[in-house]
Protein backbone atom coordinates (compact mmCIF):
# COMPACT_ATOMS: atom_id res chain seq x y z
CA UNK A 1 138.98 265.39 227.19
CA UNK A 2 142.71 265.35 226.74
CA UNK A 3 144.72 262.18 226.81
CA UNK A 4 147.20 261.36 229.14
CA UNK A 5 150.41 259.88 227.41
CA UNK A 6 153.76 259.00 229.35
CA UNK A 7 156.63 261.05 228.77
CA UNK A 8 159.06 258.91 226.23
CA UNK A 9 162.66 259.91 226.02
CA UNK A 10 164.13 261.13 222.90
CA UNK A 11 166.31 258.96 220.69
CA UNK A 12 169.78 261.19 221.47
CA UNK A 13 168.85 260.65 224.71
CA UNK A 14 170.34 256.68 223.84
CA UNK A 15 172.90 257.69 221.66
CA UNK A 16 174.29 259.96 224.13
CA UNK A 17 174.91 256.97 226.76
CA UNK A 18 176.21 254.73 223.95
CA UNK A 19 178.85 257.67 223.53
CA UNK A 20 179.65 257.86 227.60
CA UNK A 21 180.41 253.91 227.40
CA UNK A 22 182.94 254.06 224.66
CA UNK A 23 184.79 256.80 226.00
CA UNK A 24 184.90 254.81 229.30
CA UNK A 25 186.10 252.18 227.29
CA UNK A 26 189.02 254.55 225.94
CA UNK A 27 190.00 256.15 229.00
CA UNK A 28 190.18 253.41 231.40
CA UNK A 29 191.00 250.13 228.98
CA UNK A 30 192.93 251.16 226.62
CA UNK A 31 195.73 251.93 228.49
CA UNK A 32 195.43 248.48 230.61
CA UNK A 33 195.46 246.64 226.94
CA UNK A 34 198.59 248.84 225.25
CA UNK A 35 201.17 248.07 228.09
CA UNK A 36 204.43 246.40 227.35
CA UNK A 37 205.19 242.81 227.75
CA UNK A 38 208.01 242.87 231.09
CA UNK A 39 210.78 240.47 230.19
CA UNK A 40 212.31 238.47 233.19
CA UNK A 41 216.61 238.60 233.85
CA UNK A 42 218.81 236.97 236.63
CA UNK A 43 220.45 239.44 239.25
CA UNK A 44 223.79 238.65 237.22
CA UNK A 45 222.42 240.03 234.43
CA UNK A 46 221.37 243.35 235.83
CA UNK A 47 224.60 243.54 237.49
CA UNK A 48 226.15 243.26 234.36
CA UNK A 49 224.10 245.98 232.77
CA UNK A 50 225.01 248.45 235.94
CA UNK A 51 229.42 248.17 234.76
CA UNK A 52 228.16 248.64 231.62
CA UNK A 53 226.24 251.82 232.18
CA UNK A 54 223.84 250.46 229.95
CA UNK A 55 220.71 251.33 232.68
CA UNK A 56 217.85 254.12 232.01
CA UNK A 57 215.04 254.36 234.64
CA UNK A 58 214.92 251.94 237.44
CA UNK A 59 212.07 251.12 240.21
CA UNK A 60 212.82 249.52 243.53
CA UNK A 61 210.52 247.76 245.17
CA UNK A 62 209.98 245.00 248.20
CA UNK A 63 209.11 241.89 245.67
CA UNK A 64 210.99 243.29 242.65
CA UNK A 65 212.98 245.53 241.16
CA UNK A 66 212.01 246.96 237.56
CA UNK A 67 214.25 248.87 234.69
CA UNK A 68 214.86 249.63 231.33
CA UNK A 69 218.13 250.13 229.17
CA UNK A 70 219.67 253.26 228.06
CA UNK A 71 217.09 252.72 224.53
CA UNK A 72 214.23 251.83 227.24
CA UNK A 73 212.64 250.23 224.67
CA UNK A 74 212.46 247.02 226.64
CA UNK A 75 211.41 246.89 231.02
CA UNK A 76 213.36 243.79 232.79
CA UNK A 77 212.10 242.74 236.13
CA UNK A 78 214.41 240.61 238.62
CA UNK A 79 214.33 239.54 242.35
CA UNK A 80 216.16 241.97 244.80
CA UNK A 81 218.91 241.08 246.40
CA UNK A 82 220.81 242.63 249.62
CA UNK A 83 222.75 244.74 248.34
CA UNK A 84 223.39 247.70 250.36
CA UNK A 85 225.82 249.60 247.80
CA UNK A 86 223.02 249.05 244.84
CA UNK A 87 221.78 252.70 244.88
CA UNK A 88 224.91 254.44 244.98
CA UNK A 89 226.37 251.79 242.02
CA UNK A 90 223.01 252.51 239.93
CA UNK A 91 223.81 256.56 240.57
CA UNK A 92 227.16 256.29 239.61
CA UNK A 93 226.01 254.43 236.04
CA UNK A 94 223.80 257.19 235.57
CA UNK A 95 220.41 256.00 236.12
CA UNK A 96 217.14 257.76 236.72
CA UNK A 97 214.90 256.34 239.58
CA UNK A 98 211.54 256.80 238.29
CA UNK A 99 208.15 254.87 237.76
CA UNK A 100 208.55 252.93 235.05
CA UNK A 101 205.62 250.86 234.69
CA UNK A 102 202.03 249.98 236.67
CA UNK A 103 201.42 246.47 238.24
CA UNK A 104 201.64 243.99 234.41
CA UNK A 105 198.47 242.23 233.79
CA UNK A 106 197.81 239.00 233.70
CA UNK A 107 197.33 236.62 230.44
CA UNK A 108 193.37 235.58 232.19
CA UNK A 109 192.54 239.61 233.18
CA UNK A 110 193.71 240.68 229.26
CA UNK A 111 191.21 238.21 228.17
CA UNK A 112 188.46 239.84 229.85
CA UNK A 113 189.59 243.11 229.28
CA UNK A 114 190.20 242.71 225.59
CA UNK A 115 187.22 240.26 225.15
CA UNK A 116 184.85 239.63 227.75
CA UNK A 117 184.37 243.37 228.83
CA UNK A 118 183.08 244.88 225.27
CA UNK A 119 180.56 242.09 225.12
CA UNK A 120 179.07 242.42 228.29
CA UNK A 121 178.47 246.37 228.06
CA UNK A 122 177.01 245.94 224.57
CA UNK A 123 174.68 243.04 226.27
CA UNK A 124 173.34 245.32 229.06
CA UNK A 125 173.50 248.12 226.51
CA UNK A 126 170.93 246.22 224.07
CA UNK A 127 169.13 244.87 227.09
CA UNK A 128 168.35 248.31 228.27
CA UNK A 129 167.09 249.90 225.18
CA UNK A 130 164.85 246.93 224.67
CA UNK A 131 163.04 246.85 227.78
CA UNK A 132 162.86 251.01 226.77
CA UNK A 133 161.44 250.08 223.76
CA UNK A 134 159.08 247.39 225.57
CA UNK A 135 157.79 249.70 228.02
CA UNK A 136 156.68 252.88 225.42
CA UNK A 137 155.45 250.34 223.04
CA UNK A 138 153.22 249.82 226.21
CA UNK A 139 154.54 246.40 227.42
CA UNK A 140 156.12 246.86 230.58
CA UNK A 141 158.73 245.60 231.81
CA UNK A 142 157.39 242.21 232.43
CA UNK A 143 155.25 241.63 228.92
CA UNK A 144 155.74 239.55 226.46
CA UNK A 145 156.38 239.84 222.13
CA UNK A 146 156.67 243.61 222.60
CA UNK A 147 153.79 244.67 225.08
CA UNK A 148 151.14 242.38 223.88
CA UNK A 149 150.09 241.50 227.35
CA UNK A 150 149.03 245.29 227.91
CA UNK A 151 145.56 246.68 227.55
CA UNK A 152 147.19 250.04 225.52
CA UNK A 153 143.72 251.43 226.29
CA UNK A 154 143.83 255.69 226.31
CA UNK A 155 143.56 257.13 229.69
CA UNK A 156 141.97 260.86 229.36
CA UNK A 157 141.45 263.24 231.86
CA UNK A 158 139.63 266.04 232.31
CA UNK A 159 140.37 269.39 230.86
CA UNK A 160 138.73 272.87 230.43
CA UNK A 161 137.74 271.85 226.83
CA UNK A 162 136.07 268.61 227.89
CA UNK A 163 133.01 267.46 226.65
CA UNK A 164 129.94 268.27 228.68
CA UNK A 165 126.02 267.22 228.13
CA UNK A 166 125.58 270.42 226.40
CA UNK A 167 128.18 268.92 223.51
CA UNK A 168 125.49 266.38 222.84
CA UNK A 169 122.36 267.22 221.53
CA UNK A 170 119.41 265.10 220.24
CA UNK A 171 119.62 262.61 222.51
CA UNK A 172 117.66 263.70 225.80
CA UNK A 173 116.71 260.02 226.82
CA UNK A 174 119.89 258.94 226.56
CA UNK A 175 121.44 261.56 228.86
CA UNK A 176 118.88 261.67 231.53
CA UNK A 177 119.65 258.14 231.60
CA UNK A 178 123.23 258.39 232.05
CA UNK A 179 123.37 261.65 234.39
CA UNK A 180 122.38 259.20 236.91
CA UNK A 181 125.74 257.31 236.50
CA UNK A 182 127.20 261.13 237.01
CA UNK A 183 125.74 262.15 240.20
CA UNK A 184 126.41 258.99 241.60
CA UNK A 185 129.96 259.07 240.60
CA UNK A 186 129.82 262.40 242.62
CA UNK A 187 128.56 261.59 245.26
CA UNK A 188 128.26 257.44 246.01
CA UNK A 189 127.29 258.20 249.30
CA UNK A 190 123.32 258.89 248.71
CA UNK A 191 123.40 256.14 246.72
CA UNK A 192 125.16 253.44 249.78
CA UNK A 193 122.76 255.10 252.41
CA UNK A 194 119.45 254.31 250.52
CA UNK A 195 121.26 250.59 249.69
CA UNK A 196 120.94 251.30 246.10
CA UNK A 197 123.94 249.79 243.95
CA UNK A 198 124.91 252.01 240.48
CA UNK A 199 125.24 249.31 237.56
CA UNK A 200 127.77 247.62 236.73
CA UNK A 201 128.06 247.92 232.52
CA UNK A 202 126.15 250.41 230.57
CA UNK A 203 125.23 249.43 227.05
CA UNK A 204 125.07 252.18 224.62
CA UNK A 205 123.64 251.03 221.29
CA UNK A 206 121.79 252.21 218.26
CA UNK A 207 122.72 252.52 214.47
CA UNK A 208 126.65 254.13 213.78
CA UNK A 209 126.62 258.33 213.49
CA UNK A 210 124.45 258.26 216.47
CA UNK A 211 127.27 259.90 219.37
CA UNK A 212 127.21 256.81 221.61
CA UNK A 213 131.61 257.52 221.82
CA UNK A 214 130.68 261.11 222.38
CA UNK A 215 127.72 260.56 225.08
CA UNK A 216 130.26 258.24 227.08
CA UNK A 217 132.97 261.02 226.65
CA UNK A 218 130.59 263.43 228.11
CA UNK A 219 130.16 261.13 230.81
CA UNK A 220 133.48 261.46 231.97
CA UNK A 221 133.50 265.45 231.47
CA UNK A 222 130.11 265.81 233.62
CA UNK A 223 131.54 263.33 235.84
CA UNK A 224 135.13 264.66 236.29
CA UNK A 225 136.83 261.14 236.66
CA UNK A 226 139.28 259.66 234.14
CA UNK A 227 138.00 258.34 231.32
CA UNK A 228 139.68 254.16 229.92
CA UNK A 229 138.75 254.13 226.15
CA UNK A 230 140.06 251.19 223.96
CA UNK A 231 138.30 249.59 221.08
CA UNK A 232 136.70 246.10 221.23
CA UNK A 233 139.04 244.47 218.67
CA UNK A 234 142.08 245.78 220.26
CA UNK A 235 142.13 242.21 222.60
CA UNK A 236 142.40 240.09 219.90
CA UNK A 237 145.49 239.33 219.23
CA UNK A 238 147.40 236.70 217.23
CA UNK A 239 148.56 234.49 220.55
CA UNK A 240 145.96 232.44 222.72
CA UNK A 241 145.95 234.53 225.94
CA UNK A 242 147.27 237.80 225.47
CA UNK A 243 143.05 239.15 225.08
CA UNK A 244 142.77 237.66 228.80
CA UNK A 245 145.95 239.67 229.83
CA UNK A 246 145.01 242.93 228.34
CA UNK A 247 141.29 242.56 230.02
CA UNK A 248 143.25 242.03 233.24
CA UNK A 249 145.56 245.33 233.02
CA UNK A 250 142.71 247.17 231.88
CA UNK A 251 140.74 246.60 235.24
CA UNK A 252 144.32 246.59 237.23
CA UNK A 253 144.30 249.99 235.97
CA UNK A 254 140.77 251.42 236.00
CA UNK A 255 141.02 249.98 239.76
CA UNK A 256 143.90 252.46 240.74
CA UNK A 257 142.37 254.90 239.39
CA UNK A 258 138.88 254.82 240.52
CA UNK A 259 136.56 256.55 240.56
CA UNK A 260 136.73 255.97 236.82
CA UNK A 261 134.79 255.40 233.10
CA UNK A 262 136.03 252.36 231.20
CA UNK A 263 134.68 252.67 227.72
CA UNK A 264 134.68 250.17 224.97
CA UNK A 265 134.23 250.68 221.94
CA UNK A 266 132.46 247.96 219.29
CA UNK A 267 132.24 244.91 222.31
CA UNK A 268 130.13 242.97 219.56
CA UNK A 269 134.51 242.02 218.39
CA UNK A 270 134.55 240.14 221.95
CA UNK A 271 131.38 239.84 222.78
CA UNK A 272 129.94 237.57 220.51
CA UNK A 273 127.74 234.63 221.51
CA UNK A 274 129.73 231.13 222.41
CA UNK A 275 128.72 228.27 219.79
CA UNK A 276 127.56 224.86 221.63
CA UNK A 277 129.46 222.49 220.49
CA UNK A 278 132.80 224.30 220.67
CA UNK A 279 135.51 226.17 218.49
CA UNK A 280 137.63 223.59 218.20
CA UNK A 281 140.47 226.07 218.02
CA UNK A 282 138.83 228.57 215.33
CA UNK A 283 137.97 231.74 218.53
CA UNK A 284 139.65 230.54 221.61
CA UNK A 285 141.15 233.86 221.39
CA UNK A 286 138.06 235.83 221.76
CA UNK A 287 136.30 233.27 224.35
CA UNK A 288 139.45 233.41 226.73
CA UNK A 289 139.05 237.66 226.29
CA UNK A 290 134.69 237.12 226.95
CA UNK A 291 135.55 235.21 229.85
CA UNK A 292 137.65 237.07 231.47
CA UNK A 293 135.50 240.11 230.81
CA UNK A 294 133.00 238.57 232.38
CA UNK A 295 135.20 237.32 235.00
CA UNK A 296 136.11 241.08 236.08
CA UNK A 297 132.40 242.49 235.73
CA UNK A 298 131.13 239.97 237.88
CA UNK A 299 133.66 237.96 239.83
CA UNK A 300 134.60 237.93 243.62
CA UNK A 301 136.64 240.60 243.64
CA UNK A 302 134.37 243.94 243.82
CA UNK A 303 135.53 246.69 241.56
CA UNK A 304 134.53 249.39 243.48
CA UNK A 305 133.99 253.36 241.62
CA UNK A 306 134.33 251.69 238.21
CA UNK A 307 131.62 252.30 235.61
CA UNK A 308 132.16 250.39 232.75
CA UNK A 309 130.29 251.84 229.55
CA UNK A 310 130.19 249.79 225.88
CA UNK A 311 128.49 250.74 222.40
CA UNK A 312 127.69 248.74 219.77
CA UNK A 313 125.36 248.74 216.86
CA UNK A 314 124.91 244.44 216.93
CA UNK A 315 123.34 244.01 220.40
CA UNK A 316 121.62 240.82 219.19
CA UNK A 317 125.05 239.26 218.42
CA UNK A 318 126.45 239.53 222.03
CA UNK A 319 126.59 236.52 224.55
CA UNK A 320 123.61 236.67 226.93
CA UNK A 321 126.18 235.75 230.10
CA UNK A 322 127.80 239.21 228.96
CA UNK A 323 123.74 241.15 229.12
CA UNK A 324 122.63 239.80 231.98
CA UNK A 325 121.62 242.15 235.09
CA UNK A 326 124.85 242.05 236.89
CA UNK A 327 127.57 242.65 234.50
CA UNK A 328 125.64 245.01 232.03
CA UNK A 329 122.64 245.99 233.53
CA UNK A 330 121.06 248.94 231.58
CA UNK A 331 120.06 249.30 228.16
CA UNK A 332 120.56 252.44 226.65
CA UNK A 333 119.45 252.90 222.74
CA UNK A 334 120.92 255.66 221.14
CA UNK A 335 118.40 256.23 218.28
CA UNK A 336 118.40 258.30 215.09
CA UNK A 337 117.16 261.51 216.26
CA UNK A 338 113.97 263.00 216.07
CA UNK A 339 112.99 266.69 214.21
CA UNK A 340 113.75 268.73 217.31
CA UNK A 341 116.73 266.59 218.31
CA UNK A 342 118.10 267.05 214.04
CA UNK A 343 117.65 270.70 214.77
CA UNK A 344 119.61 271.06 217.90
CA UNK A 345 122.34 268.63 216.79
CA UNK A 346 122.97 270.77 213.38
CA UNK A 347 123.07 274.07 215.95
CA UNK A 348 125.19 272.75 217.69
CA UNK A 349 127.69 272.19 215.09
CA UNK A 350 127.11 275.27 214.00
CA UNK A 351 128.35 277.07 216.54
CA UNK A 352 131.90 276.13 214.84
CA UNK A 353 131.41 278.21 212.06
CA UNK A 354 129.70 281.88 210.84
CA UNK A 355 126.20 281.24 209.97
CA UNK A 356 124.09 284.10 208.12
CA UNK A 357 120.59 285.57 210.51
CA UNK A 358 118.58 283.93 207.71
CA UNK A 359 118.98 280.79 207.78
CA UNK A 360 116.57 278.45 209.21
CA UNK A 361 117.40 275.25 210.76
CA UNK A 362 114.40 274.02 211.54
CA UNK A 363 113.82 273.47 207.31
CA UNK A 364 117.30 272.16 207.01
CA UNK A 365 116.50 269.59 209.71
CA UNK A 366 113.15 268.72 208.13
CA UNK A 367 115.01 268.29 204.49
CA UNK A 368 117.92 265.98 206.79
CA UNK A 369 115.33 263.25 207.61
CA UNK A 370 116.56 259.97 209.02
CA UNK A 371 120.29 261.72 209.05
CA UNK A 372 121.72 260.47 211.96
CA UNK A 373 124.18 262.97 214.15
CA UNK A 374 127.52 262.58 212.30
CA UNK A 375 125.54 262.95 209.26
CA UNK A 376 124.53 266.08 210.32
CA UNK A 377 128.03 267.64 211.34
CA UNK A 378 128.95 266.81 207.84
CA UNK A 379 126.16 268.61 206.54
CA UNK A 380 127.22 271.67 208.11
CA UNK A 381 130.96 271.01 207.28
CA UNK A 382 130.55 270.86 203.93
CA UNK A 383 127.71 273.87 203.40
CA UNK A 384 131.04 275.44 205.22
CA UNK A 385 133.53 274.38 202.35
CA UNK A 386 131.01 275.67 199.76
CA UNK A 387 130.63 278.60 201.41
CA UNK A 388 134.87 279.01 201.03
CA UNK A 389 134.93 277.70 197.65
CA UNK A 390 132.71 280.97 196.66
CA UNK A 391 134.65 283.37 198.23
CA UNK A 392 132.48 283.73 201.90
CA UNK A 393 133.15 283.31 205.77
CA UNK A 394 129.57 282.98 206.44
CA UNK A 395 127.11 280.12 205.36
CA UNK A 396 124.06 280.67 204.02
CA UNK A 397 120.96 278.77 203.27
CA UNK A 398 121.52 278.27 199.75
CA UNK A 399 125.04 276.66 201.51
CA UNK A 400 123.25 273.88 203.59
CA UNK A 401 120.56 272.85 201.48
CA UNK A 402 122.96 272.26 198.89
CA UNK A 403 125.51 270.45 201.21
CA UNK A 404 121.73 268.15 201.82
CA UNK A 405 121.93 267.47 198.17
CA UNK A 406 126.06 266.15 198.08
CA UNK A 407 125.26 264.15 201.19
CA UNK A 408 122.35 262.49 199.82
CA UNK A 409 123.54 262.33 196.13
CA UNK A 410 127.26 263.48 195.89
CA UNK A 411 128.36 266.48 193.99
CA UNK A 412 127.51 267.83 191.13
CA UNK A 413 129.11 266.48 187.66
CA UNK A 414 130.43 269.61 185.97
CA UNK A 415 131.76 267.56 182.88
CA UNK A 416 128.46 265.41 182.32
CA UNK A 417 126.48 266.83 179.24
CA UNK A 418 123.62 264.72 178.11
CA UNK A 419 122.21 264.87 174.64
CA UNK A 420 118.74 266.88 174.29
CA UNK A 421 116.90 263.96 173.84
CA UNK A 422 118.39 262.23 177.52
CA UNK A 423 117.75 265.48 179.42
CA UNK A 424 114.27 265.74 177.84
CA UNK A 425 113.75 261.97 179.41
CA UNK A 426 115.66 263.02 182.73
CA UNK A 427 112.75 266.23 182.93
CA UNK A 428 109.93 263.99 182.78
CA UNK A 429 111.22 261.41 184.70
CA UNK A 430 111.58 263.89 187.39
CA UNK A 431 108.09 265.04 186.77
CA UNK A 432 106.89 262.15 186.87
CA UNK A 433 108.16 261.39 190.37
CA UNK A 434 106.93 264.81 191.32
CA UNK A 435 103.42 264.47 189.64
CA UNK A 436 102.21 261.41 191.11
CA UNK A 437 103.36 262.56 194.97
CA UNK A 438 101.30 265.11 194.32
CA UNK A 439 98.74 264.00 193.16
CA UNK A 440 98.18 261.31 196.14
CA UNK A 441 96.80 262.37 199.36
CA UNK A 442 99.14 260.35 201.45
CA UNK A 443 102.19 261.54 199.73
CA UNK A 444 104.86 264.30 201.47
CA UNK A 445 105.04 267.85 199.57
CA UNK A 446 108.10 268.76 196.57
CA UNK A 447 110.55 269.98 198.22
CA UNK A 448 112.91 270.62 194.94
CA UNK A 449 113.72 268.74 191.30
CA UNK A 450 116.94 268.64 189.38
CA UNK A 451 117.92 267.06 186.30
CA UNK A 452 121.60 268.16 186.59
CA UNK A 453 124.03 264.47 187.33
CA UNK A 454 125.22 263.57 190.59
CA UNK A 455 128.71 262.01 191.54
CA UNK A 456 126.17 259.05 192.88
CA UNK A 457 125.20 258.41 188.93
CA UNK A 458 122.08 259.45 189.34
CA UNK A 459 120.67 261.48 186.41
CA UNK A 460 118.47 263.60 188.81
CA UNK A 461 116.18 263.35 191.75
CA UNK A 462 112.91 264.77 193.41
CA UNK A 463 113.20 265.55 196.95
CA UNK A 464 110.46 265.00 199.29
CA UNK A 465 110.34 266.79 203.40
CA UNK A 466 107.38 265.68 205.11
CA UNK A 467 106.05 268.30 207.45
CA UNK A 468 107.16 266.03 210.62
CA UNK A 469 108.13 262.81 211.87
CA UNK A 470 106.25 260.07 211.01
CA UNK A 471 106.99 256.71 213.15
CA UNK A 472 103.75 254.91 211.82
CA UNK A 473 102.91 253.99 207.74
CA UNK A 474 99.93 253.10 207.09
CA UNK A 475 99.28 250.39 204.20
CA UNK A 476 97.97 253.19 202.17
CA UNK A 477 100.64 255.51 202.81
CA UNK A 478 102.88 252.69 201.76
CA UNK A 479 101.42 251.58 198.42
CA UNK A 480 101.56 255.53 197.58
CA UNK A 481 105.27 255.45 197.95
CA UNK A 482 105.97 252.86 195.56
CA UNK A 483 103.43 254.19 192.94
CA UNK A 484 105.34 257.50 193.71
CA UNK A 485 108.74 255.15 193.07
CA UNK A 486 106.96 253.95 189.90
CA UNK A 487 106.09 257.43 188.68
CA UNK A 488 109.41 258.05 186.60
CA UNK A 489 108.70 254.76 184.54
CA UNK A 490 105.47 255.28 184.00
CA UNK A 491 106.33 258.50 182.52
CA UNK A 492 108.23 257.44 180.14
CA UNK A 493 106.31 255.11 178.93
CA UNK A 494 102.92 258.08 178.49
CA UNK A 495 105.22 260.38 176.69
CA UNK A 496 107.81 258.12 174.77
CA UNK A 497 106.19 254.99 174.12
CA UNK A 498 109.56 253.14 175.65
CA UNK A 499 111.46 253.04 178.65
CA UNK A 500 115.02 252.76 179.85
CA UNK A 501 117.35 251.88 182.68
CA UNK A 502 116.92 255.03 184.93
CA UNK A 503 114.43 253.69 186.93
CA UNK A 504 116.87 250.96 188.85
CA UNK A 505 117.15 252.35 191.63
CA UNK A 506 113.25 253.24 191.72
CA UNK A 507 112.74 249.48 190.94
CA UNK A 508 114.73 248.20 194.19
CA UNK A 509 113.05 250.65 196.26
CA UNK A 510 110.00 250.04 195.32
CA UNK A 511 109.90 245.91 195.37
CA UNK A 512 111.68 246.58 198.98
CA UNK A 513 108.77 248.19 200.11
CA UNK A 514 106.62 245.32 198.38
CA UNK A 515 108.43 242.80 199.83
CA UNK A 516 107.84 244.41 203.36
CA UNK A 517 104.30 244.78 203.06
CA UNK A 518 103.56 241.51 202.46
CA UNK A 519 106.17 239.57 204.08
CA UNK A 520 106.87 241.52 207.11
CA UNK A 521 104.23 244.01 207.95
CA UNK A 522 101.18 241.56 207.67
CA UNK A 523 99.44 243.77 204.94
CA UNK A 524 98.05 240.96 202.90
CA UNK A 525 94.80 238.98 203.42
CA UNK A 526 96.35 235.56 202.46
CA UNK A 527 99.11 235.96 205.18
CA UNK A 528 97.34 238.24 207.39
CA UNK A 529 99.44 238.46 210.70
CA UNK A 530 102.12 235.82 209.96
CA UNK A 531 105.87 237.26 209.65
CA UNK A 532 107.63 235.60 206.88
CA UNK A 533 110.75 237.48 206.87
CA UNK A 534 112.38 239.21 209.86
CA UNK A 535 115.56 241.31 210.44
CA UNK A 536 118.59 240.05 211.61
CA UNK A 537 120.02 243.76 212.10
CA UNK A 538 117.83 246.82 212.92
CA UNK A 539 120.89 248.93 213.12
CA UNK A 540 122.71 248.33 210.13
CA UNK A 541 120.95 247.55 206.97
CA UNK A 542 117.84 245.79 206.21
CA UNK A 543 118.82 242.16 206.16
CA UNK A 544 116.11 239.76 206.54
CA UNK A 545 116.14 236.02 206.80
CA UNK A 546 113.00 234.09 205.59
CA UNK A 547 110.88 231.51 207.55
CA UNK A 548 108.82 229.65 205.30
CA UNK A 549 108.73 227.14 202.79
CA UNK A 550 109.98 227.40 199.16
CA UNK A 551 105.90 227.19 197.93
CA UNK A 552 104.93 229.88 200.35
CA UNK A 553 108.07 231.39 199.20
CA UNK A 554 106.48 231.58 195.63
CA UNK A 555 103.36 233.29 196.45
CA UNK A 556 105.00 236.15 198.15
CA UNK A 557 106.78 236.56 194.75
CA UNK A 558 103.73 236.66 192.57
CA UNK A 559 101.95 238.54 195.50
CA UNK A 560 104.53 241.70 195.35
CA UNK A 561 105.19 241.43 191.58
CA UNK A 562 101.03 241.77 191.62
CA UNK A 563 101.31 245.31 194.59
CA UNK A 564 104.18 246.99 191.85
CA UNK A 565 102.39 246.61 188.76
CA UNK A 566 98.97 247.67 190.68
CA UNK A 567 100.91 251.04 192.06
CA UNK A 568 102.80 251.34 188.46
CA UNK A 569 99.27 251.14 186.78
CA UNK A 570 97.95 253.79 189.14
CA UNK A 571 100.74 256.11 188.30
CA UNK A 572 100.63 255.81 184.47
CA UNK A 573 96.89 256.56 184.89
CA UNK A 574 97.24 259.70 187.04
CA UNK A 575 99.95 260.56 184.47
CA UNK A 576 97.85 260.34 181.67
CA UNK A 577 95.21 261.83 183.12
CA UNK A 578 97.50 265.13 184.13
CA UNK A 579 99.04 264.57 180.45
CA UNK A 580 99.38 268.65 180.12
CA UNK A 581 100.66 269.46 183.62
CA UNK A 582 103.04 266.77 182.26
CA UNK A 583 104.29 268.29 179.67
CA UNK A 584 104.11 271.82 180.85
CA UNK A 585 106.22 270.54 184.13
CA UNK A 586 108.82 269.04 182.20
CA UNK A 587 109.16 271.71 179.68
CA UNK A 588 109.71 273.84 182.91
CA UNK A 589 112.29 271.19 184.33
CA UNK A 590 113.97 271.18 180.84
CA UNK A 591 114.18 274.75 180.93
CA UNK A 592 115.40 275.90 184.35
CA UNK A 593 117.23 272.11 185.25
CA UNK A 594 116.93 272.86 188.59
CA UNK A 595 113.33 274.01 190.21
CA UNK A 596 111.90 274.77 193.99
CA UNK A 597 108.86 272.75 195.03
CA UNK A 598 106.69 276.55 195.26
CA UNK A 599 107.53 276.65 191.25
CA UNK A 600 106.28 273.34 190.86
CA UNK A 601 103.15 273.97 192.74
CA UNK A 602 102.46 277.09 191.01
CA UNK A 603 102.34 275.57 187.47
CA UNK A 604 100.40 272.45 189.06
CA UNK A 605 97.89 275.04 190.29
CA UNK A 606 97.75 277.42 187.82
CA UNK A 607 99.68 280.16 189.33
CA UNK A 608 102.64 280.28 187.27
CA UNK A 609 102.25 279.19 183.52
CA UNK A 610 106.39 277.97 181.39
């Protein structure tokens, strides 16, 4: 999509105007202000000067006679008399007949020209430039505070390089739902004949980075209609009422260009639920903006041809009046892509780079489980950067795999040097994770193990990759995950008889899973199918709120400790029973620093000796 911008006059334009005004002032006004003063004399004095031959230039008019002396330094004026021989006597006295001076300027005109005119010129020039600056800032002629009443929405029109549905991968269900909007904008008469009304508003909900904004632009690109884009936070101003004014201006522009699409990103900034007890001035501006938006979407005036798209990752915080039928009629989930979707997204982003023929995007998609579309695009870009750093123009499979590790754990720390003992402890720690996972039937296969420190703070990590996407987890699978998290600490205990701080993240993840099993998933016999905590937002992290008594909370804590301890004991027993393989694998990892899942399994199954 190409943004439409109003042409702005360069600053030199205003300098030229000021220069022309100054030149005009000098050419027309200055001569008037520089005129000599006229001295009034009687006719007798005029006659005496003629007799004395002291006449320079004479200008005879019907109402007065203007003349100068021989030195022509002073201008005199006298009243004419009936004197038939005046011309002859002036000629004999050596006078010259010519124009002496223009009409003398009165004191009032002199004051106006001297003081009033320059002030007026600069005042008008200042007003003109101020109005132009406000218009360029988006305010227009009638706005206040330099255009805060204007919506400042960015207007896009379709171009040859506009975004299409083919540029958005991994969201087939969302595209199918939005394709109906495109069809309506192309042929609204088809829906009118059937008596069907297109939804006035469509709400795109999903985690950050899943392509909600890109989907909205793709709808406008497919429909080939104007596209207004604005963020919810841009409506909120310091002065009360400006947000509502911006909403009115936005819909006024949209109606003028209908059929069109209005896209409001992060609509939760103005669409949050209104409190029942009043705000006492705290959120008056936001509520007035929301009320104006509700009126524009479902008021007495029809918004024919204006489709409103909005995006948010906090749908639970929106006001019910905004999400009811008649306003945002349809909710389109834009979720994290599945395995097939991740592979398709990787291929779309890979169009911009050169890739080797043996690149397996399916494997990369499996390794990037849980990644959003934005993160997948970042993985492709990191791979291209790695290729450039290596002096190559073609991205290889190794570049892509390393870029996943960069996104997950950060860059390798080249200057981090571990002591031999620390390196050995990290090797046993990571092999402990991998060995416990391999010895359990419900764990994902090991893809890679490394003890190279990363910029995220990790001294090493074990990557497990499922063969496909999983949408449901059994109780046994979650318990095996907890046991795998405790495998690193268990290996330290079995081999060294002491523990380190390296398991801090493992402890956090194991505790989180154990608490979710008991308080949220109903996997405890004592609490059965009773939810003790609820997720506040399914798209922004995993913040939860407790819904139980303090005594129940103590019981939950006790059961969480028991569950983690039980899986910790299971992991330690697995490592004690396979101590030989633990030592063999740790020695191999210590020497190579990074091993693949195939190398790990060969040693574990006896197919290769370290």
